[in-house]
Amino acid sequence: MKIAIILGTRPEIIKMSSIIRECERLGLDHYILHTGQHYSFEMDRVFFDELELLAARYNLDVGSGTHGRQIFKLDNQ
């Protein structure tokens, strides 16, 4: 079983960091999927670095915008 940890905003990175560390401590097979809701990858990277988290395996890079615009972008990639 593989655990997907999905996050997309900087507050979610902070909140989920303890869950991610616990998965690592227990040796659970997991990965991070970052939705990329915030448009600044570099700003998010600071949080990953400061919290000593591995980079997200997947980044959807949906950016900021309305729900409809974000879904449209994902459907048309």
PDB file of N, CA and C in Angstrom:
ATOM      1  N   MET A   1       0.849  -1.170   0.000  1.00  0.00           N
ATOM      2  CA  MET A   1       0.000   0.000   0.000  1.00  0.00           C
ATOM      3  C   MET A   1       0.897   1.236   0.000  1.00  0.00           C
ATOM      4  N   LYS A   2       0.559   2.194  -0.835  1.00  0.00           N
ATOM      5  CA  LYS A   2       1.289   3.451  -0.908  1.00  0.00           C
ATOM      6  C   LYS A   2       0.369   4.565  -0.444  1.00  0.00           C
ATOM      7  N   ILE A   3       0.902   5.483   0.364  1.00  0.00           N
ATOM      8  CA  ILE A   3       0.124   6.591   0.903  1.00  0.00           C
ATOM      9  C   ILE A   3       0.444   7.851   0.114  1.00  0.00           C
ATOM     10  N   ALA A   4      -0.587   8.501  -0.394  1.00  0.00           N
ATOM     11  CA  ALA A   4      -0.423   9.784  -1.089  1.00  0.00           C
ATOM     12  C   ALA A   4      -0.757  10.893  -0.101  1.00  0.00           C
ATOM     13  N   ILE A   5       0.179  11.788   0.088  1.00  0.00           N
ATOM     14  CA  ILE A   5      -0.047  12.951   0.935  1.00  0.00           C
ATOM     15  C   ILE A   5      -0.205  14.137  -0.007  1.00  0.00           C
ATOM     16  N   ILE A   6      -1.415  14.692  -0.037  1.00  0.00           N
ATOM     17  CA  ILE A   6      -1.740  15.742  -0.989  1.00  0.00           C
ATOM     18  C   ILE A   6      -1.812  17.071  -0.251  1.00  0.00           C
ATOM     19  N   LEU A   7      -1.057  18.029  -0.765  1.00  0.00           N
ATOM     20  CA  LEU A   7      -1.071  19.368  -0.194  1.00  0.00           C
ATOM     21  C   LEU A   7      -0.907  20.382  -1.302  1.00  0.00           C
ATOM     22  N   GLY A   8      -1.259  21.634  -1.017  1.00  0.00           N
ATOM     23  CA  GLY A   8      -1.192  22.607  -2.092  1.00  0.00           C
ATOM     24  C   GLY A   8      -0.916  24.027  -1.647  1.00  0.00           C
ATOM     25  N   THR A   9      -1.044  24.276  -0.356  1.00  0.00           N
ATOM     26  CA  THR A   9      -0.808  25.620   0.143  1.00  0.00           C
ATOM     27  C   THR A   9       0.259  25.567   1.233  1.00  0.00           C
ATOM     28  N   ARG A  10       0.843  26.706   1.505  1.00  0.00           N
ATOM     29  CA  ARG A  10       1.893  26.739   2.529  1.00  0.00           C
ATOM     30  C   ARG A  10       1.368  26.321   3.899  1.00  0.00           C
ATOM     31  N   PRO A  11       0.162  26.739   4.326  1.00  0.00           N
ATOM     32  CA  PRO A  11      -0.341  26.232   5.614  1.00  0.00           C
ATOM     33  C   PRO A  11      -0.483  24.712   5.632  1.00  0.00           C
ATOM     34  N   GLU A  12      -0.859  24.121   4.494  1.00  0.00           N
ATOM     35  CA  GLU A  12      -0.976  22.659   4.432  1.00  0.00           C
ATOM     36  C   GLU A  12       0.392  22.000   4.549  1.00  0.00           C
ATOM     37  N   ILE A  13       1.413  22.599   3.967  1.00  0.00           N
ATOM     38  CA  ILE A  13       2.770  22.050   4.094  1.00  0.00           C
ATOM     39  C   ILE A  13       3.144  21.987   5.563  1.00  0.00           C
ATOM     40  N   ILE A  14       2.887  23.068   6.279  1.00  0.00           N
ATOM     41  CA  ILE A  14       3.217  23.119   7.705  1.00  0.00           C
ATOM     42  C   ILE A  14       2.413  22.087   8.478  1.00  0.00           C
ATOM     43  N   LYS A  15       1.097  22.032   8.241  1.00  0.00           N
ATOM     44  CA  LYS A  15       0.232  21.101   8.971  1.00  0.00           C
ATOM     45  C   LYS A  15       0.586  19.647   8.687  1.00  0.00           C
ATOM     46  N   MET A  16       0.896  19.326   7.438  1.00  0.00           N
ATOM     47  CA  MET A  16       1.146  17.936   7.059  1.00  0.00           C
ATOM     48  C   MET A  16       2.579  17.487   7.350  1.00  0.00           C
ATOM     49  N   SER A  17       3.463  18.405   7.700  1.00  0.00           N
ATOM     50  CA  SER A  17       4.863  18.029   7.923  1.00  0.00           C
ATOM     51  C   SER A  17       5.007  16.968   9.018  1.00  0.00           C
ATOM     52  N   SER A  18       4.193  17.054  10.069  1.00  0.00           N
ATOM     53  CA  SER A  18       4.297  16.040  11.131  1.00  0.00           C
ATOM     54  C   SER A  18       3.810  14.683  10.640  1.00  0.00           C
ATOM     55  N   ILE A  19       2.802  14.657   9.781  1.00  0.00           N
ATOM     56  CA  ILE A  19       2.313  13.394   9.206  1.00  0.00           C
ATOM     57  C   ILE A  19       3.384  12.794   8.302  1.00  0.00           C
ATOM     58  N   ILE A  20       4.008  13.635   7.501  1.00  0.00           N
ATOM     59  CA  ILE A  20       5.064  13.172   6.595  1.00  0.00           C
ATOM     60  C   ILE A  20       6.228  12.589   7.396  1.00  0.00           C
ATOM     61  N   ARG A  21       6.634  13.299   8.437  1.00  0.00           N
ATOM     62  CA  ARG A  21       7.740  12.791   9.268  1.00  0.00           C
ATOM     63  C   ARG A  21       7.379  11.475   9.949  1.00  0.00           C
ATOM     64  N   GLU A  22       6.131  11.344  10.369  1.00  0.00           N
ATOM     65  CA  GLU A  22       5.702  10.097  11.012  1.00  0.00           C
ATOM     66  C   GLU A  22       5.712   8.952  10.002  1.00  0.00           C
ATOM     67  N   CYS A  23       5.298   9.204   8.774  1.00  0.00           N
ATOM     68  CA  CYS A  23       5.375   8.169   7.730  1.00  0.00           C
ATOM     69  C   CYS A  23       6.816   7.735   7.525  1.00  0.00           C
ATOM     70  N   GLU A  24       7.724   8.715   7.506  1.00  0.00           N
ATOM     71  CA  GLU A  24       9.148   8.396   7.354  1.00  0.00           C
ATOM     72  C   GLU A  24       9.649   7.584   8.539  1.00  0.00           C
ATOM     73  N   ARG A  25       9.278   8.005   9.752  1.00  0.00           N
ATOM     74  CA  ARG A  25       9.735   7.313  10.967  1.00  0.00           C
ATOM     75  C   ARG A  25       9.260   5.861  10.994  1.00  0.00           C
ATOM     76  N   LEU A  26       8.040   5.641  10.540  1.00  0.00           N
ATOM     77  CA  LEU A  26       7.471   4.288  10.535  1.00  0.00           C
ATOM     78  C   LEU A  26       7.871   3.478   9.306  1.00  0.00           C
ATOM     79  N   GLY A  27       8.550   4.109   8.371  1.00  0.00           N
ATOM     80  CA  GLY A  27       8.974   3.412   7.157  1.00  0.00           C
ATOM     81  C   GLY A  27       7.824   3.109   6.212  1.00  0.00           C
ATOM     82  N   LEU A  28       6.775   3.934   6.278  1.00  0.00           N
ATOM     83  CA  LEU A  28       5.621   3.709   5.407  1.00  0.00           C
ATOM     84  C   LEU A  28       5.923   4.205   3.995  1.00  0.00           C
ATOM     85  N   ASP A  29       5.435   3.468   3.024  1.00  0.00           N
ATOM     86  CA  ASP A  29       5.627   3.818   1.618  1.00  0.00           C
ATOM     87  C   ASP A  29       4.677   4.968   1.284  1.00  0.00           C
ATOM     88  N   HIS A  30       5.221   6.146   1.079  1.00  0.00           N
ATOM     89  CA  HIS A  30       4.395   7.320   0.847  1.00  0.00           C
ATOM     90  C   HIS A  30       5.058   8.244  -0.167  1.00  0.00           C
ATOM     91  N   TYR A  31       4.274   9.182  -0.670  1.00  0.00           N
ATOM     92  CA  TYR A  31       4.817  10.218  -1.535  1.00  0.00           C
ATOM     93  C   TYR A  31       3.982  11.474  -1.366  1.00  0.00           C
ATOM     94  N   ILE A  32       4.555  12.596  -1.778  1.00  0.00           N
ATOM     95  CA  ILE A  32       3.868  13.877  -1.678  1.00  0.00           C
ATOM     96  C   ILE A  32       3.424  14.300  -3.070  1.00  0.00           C
ATOM     97  N   LEU A  33       2.164  14.671  -3.169  1.00  0.00           N
ATOM     98  CA  LEU A  33       1.616  15.256  -4.386  1.00  0.00           C
ATOM     99  C   LEU A  33       1.274  16.702  -4.042  1.00  0.00           C
ATOM    100  N   HIS A  34       1.931  17.625  -4.706  1.00  0.00           N
ATOM    101  CA  HIS A  34       1.729  19.053  -4.458  1.00  0.00           C
ATOM    102  C   HIS A  34       0.859  19.598  -5.579  1.00  0.00           C
ATOM    103  N   THR A  35      -0.287  20.176  -5.217  1.00  0.00           N
ATOM    104  CA  THR A  35      -1.185  20.695  -6.240  1.00  0.00           C
ATOM    105  C   THR A  35      -0.659  21.981  -6.863  1.00  0.00           C
ATOM    106  N   GLY A  36       0.255  22.663  -6.172  1.00  0.00           N
ATOM    107  CA  GLY A  36       0.810  23.896  -6.723  1.00  0.00           C
ATOM    108  C   GLY A  36      -0.189  25.033  -6.760  1.00  0.00           C
ATOM    109  N   GLN A  37      -1.103  25.070  -5.799  1.00  0.00           N
ATOM    110  CA  GLN A  37      -2.116  26.117  -5.786  1.00  0.00           C
ATOM    111  C   GLN A  37      -1.506  27.505  -5.675  1.00  0.00           C
ATOM    112  N   HIS A  38      -0.453  27.636  -4.926  1.00  0.00           N
ATOM    113  CA  HIS A  38       0.216  28.930  -4.830  1.00  0.00           C
ATOM    114  C   HIS A  38       1.207  29.034  -5.971  1.00  0.00           C
ATOM    115  N   TYR A  39       1.283  30.172  -6.575  1.00  0.00           N
ATOM    116  CA  TYR A  39       2.056  30.345  -7.804  1.00  0.00           C
ATOM    117  C   TYR A  39       3.556  30.425  -7.589  1.00  0.00           C
ATOM    118  N   SER A  40       4.032  30.517  -6.338  1.00  0.00           N
ATOM    119  CA  SER A  40       5.466  30.667  -6.107  1.00  0.00           C
ATOM    120  C   SER A  40       6.083  29.362  -5.618  1.00  0.00           C
ATOM    121  N   PHE A  41       6.676  28.617  -6.543  1.00  0.00           N
ATOM    122  CA  PHE A  41       7.346  27.375  -6.173  1.00  0.00           C
ATOM    123  C   PHE A  41       8.494  27.666  -5.215  1.00  0.00           C
ATOM    124  N   GLU A  42       9.217  28.746  -5.446  1.00  0.00           N
ATOM    125  CA  GLU A  42      10.363  29.090  -4.594  1.00  0.00           C
ATOM    126  C   GLU A  42       9.920  29.358  -3.160  1.00  0.00           C
ATOM    127  N   MET A  43       8.775  30.008  -2.976  1.00  0.00           N
ATOM    128  CA  MET A  43       8.273  30.262  -1.622  1.00  0.00           C
ATOM    129  C   MET A  43       7.914  28.942  -0.947  1.00  0.00           C
ATOM    130  N   ASP A  44       7.252  28.049  -1.669  1.00  0.00           N
ATOM    131  CA  ASP A  44       6.934  26.734  -1.111  1.00  0.00           C
ATOM    132  C   ASP A  44       8.205  25.960  -0.781  1.00  0.00           C
ATOM    133  N   ARG A  45       9.212  26.061  -1.649  1.00  0.00           N
ATOM    134  CA  ARG A  45      10.475  25.346  -1.446  1.00  0.00           C
ATOM    135  C   ARG A  45      11.110  25.722  -0.108  1.00  0.00           C
ATOM    136  N   VAL A  46      10.988  26.981   0.294  1.00  0.00           N
ATOM    137  CA  VAL A  46      11.519  27.429   1.588  1.00  0.00           C
ATOM    138  C   VAL A  46      10.897  26.617   2.718  1.00  0.00           C
ATOM    139  N   PHE A  47       9.592  26.395   2.642  1.00  0.00           N
ATOM    140  CA  PHE A  47       8.917  25.631   3.686  1.00  0.00           C
ATOM    141  C   PHE A  47       9.380  24.175   3.694  1.00  0.00           C
ATOM    142  N   PHE A  48       9.521  23.585   2.526  1.00  0.00           N
ATOM    143  CA  PHE A  48      10.030  22.211   2.450  1.00  0.00           C
ATOM    144  C   PHE A  48      11.434  22.138   3.048  1.00  0.00           C
ATOM    145  N   ASP A  49      12.271  23.110   2.715  1.00  0.00           N
ATOM    146  CA  ASP A  49      13.647  23.124   3.225  1.00  0.00           C
ATOM    147  C   ASP A  49      13.680  23.317   4.737  1.00  0.00           C
ATOM    148  N   GLU A  50      12.953  24.321   5.216  1.00  0.00           N
ATOM    149  CA  GLU A  50      12.961  24.623   6.655  1.00  0.00           C
ATOM    150  C   GLU A  50      12.387  23.476   7.487  1.00  0.00           C
ATOM    151  N   LEU A  51      11.396  22.776   6.942  1.00  0.00           N
ATOM    152  CA  LEU A  51      10.776  21.658   7.657  1.00  0.00           C
ATOM    153  C   LEU A  51      11.489  20.334   7.377  1.00  0.00           C
ATOM    154  N   GLU A  52      12.555  20.404   6.571  1.00  0.00           N
ATOM    155  CA  GLU A  52      13.373  19.242   6.224  1.00  0.00           C
ATOM    156  C   GLU A  52      12.535  18.119   5.607  1.00  0.00           C
ATOM    157  N   LEU A  53      11.724  18.498   4.612  1.00  0.00           N
ATOM    158  CA  LEU A  53      10.888  17.537   3.896  1.00  0.00           C
ATOM    159  C   LEU A  53      11.484  17.267   2.528  1.00  0.00           C
ATOM    160  N   LEU A  54      11.328  16.038   2.071  1.00  0.00           N
ATOM    161  CA  LEU A  54      11.746  15.718   0.712  1.00  0.00           C
ATOM    162  C   LEU A  54      10.847  16.454  -0.271  1.00  0.00           C
ATOM    163  N   ALA A  55      11.351  16.717  -1.437  1.00  0.00           N
ATOM    164  CA  ALA A  55      10.560  17.393  -2.467  1.00  0.00           C
ATOM    165  C   ALA A  55       9.362  16.535  -2.863  1.00  0.00           C
ATOM    166  N   ALA A  56       8.317  17.193  -3.313  1.00  0.00           N
ATOM    167  CA  ALA A  56       7.132  16.475  -3.778  1.00  0.00           C
ATOM    168  C   ALA A  56       7.484  15.629  -4.999  1.00  0.00           C
ATOM    169  N   ARG A  57       6.985  14.424  -5.043  1.00  0.00           N
ATOM    170  CA  ARG A  57       7.212  13.556  -6.197  1.00  0.00           C
ATOM    171  C   ARG A  57       6.458  14.080  -7.417  1.00  0.00           C
ATOM    172  N   TYR A  58       5.268  14.594  -7.173  1.00  0.00           N
ATOM    173  CA  TYR A  58       4.442  15.121  -8.252  1.00  0.00           C
ATOM    174  C   TYR A  58       4.030  16.545  -7.917  1.00  0.00           C
ATOM    175  N   ASN A  59       3.997  17.416  -8.924  1.00  0.00           N
ATOM    176  CA  ASN A  59       3.517  18.776  -8.746  1.00  0.00           C
ATOM    177  C   ASN A  59       2.563  19.081  -9.896  1.00  0.00           C
ATOM    178  N   LEU A  60       1.298  19.302  -9.563  1.00  0.00           N
ATOM    179  CA  LEU A  60       0.291  19.568 -10.581  1.00  0.00           C
ATOM    180  C   LEU A  60       0.377  20.988 -11.125  1.00  0.00           C
ATOM    181  N   ASP A  61       1.007  21.892 -10.372  1.00  0.00           N
ATOM    182  CA  ASP A  61       1.259  23.261 -10.819  1.00  0.00           C
ATOM    183  C   ASP A  61       0.001  23.934 -11.360  1.00  0.00           C
ATOM    184  N   VAL A  62      -1.107  23.849 -10.594  1.00  0.00           N
ATOM    185  CA  VAL A  62      -2.353  24.445 -11.053  1.00  0.00           C
ATOM    186  C   VAL A  62      -2.376  25.957 -10.877  1.00  0.00           C
ATOM    187  N   GLY A  63      -1.529  26.501 -10.022  1.00  0.00           N
ATOM    188  CA  GLY A  63      -1.460  27.943  -9.835  1.00  0.00           C
ATOM    189  C   GLY A  63      -2.680  28.510  -9.147  1.00  0.00           C
ATOM    190  N   SER A  64      -2.706  29.820  -9.041  1.00  0.00           N
ATOM    191  CA  SER A  64      -3.838  30.503  -8.425  1.00  0.00           C
ATOM    192  C   SER A  64      -4.906  30.763  -9.474  1.00  0.00           C
ATOM    193  N   GLY A  65      -6.116  30.864  -9.025  1.00  0.00           N
ATOM    194  CA  GLY A  65      -7.216  31.164  -9.930  1.00  0.00           C
ATOM    195  C   GLY A  65      -8.502  30.583  -9.398  1.00  0.00           C
ATOM    196  N   THR A  66      -9.563  30.794 -10.139  1.00  0.00           N
ATOM    197  CA  THR A  66     -10.848  30.245  -9.725  1.00  0.00           C
ATOM    198  C   THR A  66     -10.819  28.718  -9.861  1.00  0.00           C
ATOM    199  N   HIS A  67     -11.739  28.081  -9.191  1.00  0.00           N
ATOM    200  CA  HIS A  67     -11.837  26.619  -9.259  1.00  0.00           C
ATOM    201  C   HIS A  67     -11.992  26.160 -10.709  1.00  0.00           C
ATOM    202  N   GLY A  68     -12.883  26.813 -11.447  1.00  0.00           N
ATOM    203  CA  GLY A  68     -13.114  26.429 -12.843  1.00  0.00           C
ATOM    204  C   GLY A  68     -11.874  26.576 -13.698  1.00  0.00           C
ATOM    205  N   ARG A  69     -11.129  27.671 -13.514  1.00  0.00           N
ATOM    206  CA  ARG A  69      -9.917  27.905 -14.306  1.00  0.00           C
ATOM    207  C   ARG A  69      -8.849  26.851 -13.983  1.00  0.00           C
ATOM    208  N   GLN A  70      -8.728  26.484 -12.700  1.00  0.00           N
ATOM    209  CA  GLN A  70      -7.742  25.486 -12.310  1.00  0.00           C
ATOM    210  C   GLN A  70      -8.089  24.121 -12.904  1.00  0.00           C
ATOM    211  N   ILE A  71      -9.364  23.736 -12.865  1.00  0.00           N
ATOM    212  CA  ILE A  71      -9.782  22.453 -13.432  1.00  0.00           C
ATOM    213  C   ILE A  71      -9.572  22.456 -14.939  1.00  0.00           C
ATOM    214  N   PHE A  72      -9.931  23.554 -15.601  1.00  0.00           N
ATOM    215  CA  PHE A  72      -9.730  23.666 -17.039  1.00  0.00           C
ATOM    216  C   PHE A  72      -8.260  23.487 -17.400  1.00  0.00           C
ATOM    217  N   LYS A  73      -7.384  24.098 -16.617  1.00  0.00           N
ATOM    218  CA  LYS A  73      -5.938  23.990 -16.879  1.00  0.00           C
ATOM    219  C   LYS A  73      -5.481  22.539 -16.758  1.00  0.00           C
ATOM    220  N   LEU A  74      -5.957  21.823 -15.724  1.00  0.00           N
ATOM    221  CA  LEU A  74      -5.562  20.426 -15.542  1.00  0.00           C
ATOM    222  C   LEU A  74      -6.086  19.565 -16.690  1.00  0.00           C
ATOM    223  N   ASP A  75      -7.325  19.805 -17.107  1.00  0.00           N
ATOM    224  CA  ASP A  75      -7.926  18.996 -18.164  1.00  0.00           C
ATOM    225  C   ASP A  75      -7.256  19.216 -19.521  1.00  0.00           C
ATOM    226  N   ASN A  76      -6.615  20.346 -19.710  1.00  0.00           N
ATOM    227  CA  ASN A  76      -6.068  20.696 -21.007  1.00  0.00           C
ATOM    228  C   ASN A  76      -4.540  20.658 -21.054  1.00  0.00           C
ATOM    229  N   GLN A  77      -3.931  19.942 -20.145  1.00  0.00           N
ATOM    230  CA  GLN A  77      -2.464  19.822 -20.155  1.00  0.00           C
ATOM    231  C   GLN A  77      -2.041  18.670 -21.023  1.00  0.00           C
TER     232      GLN A  77
END
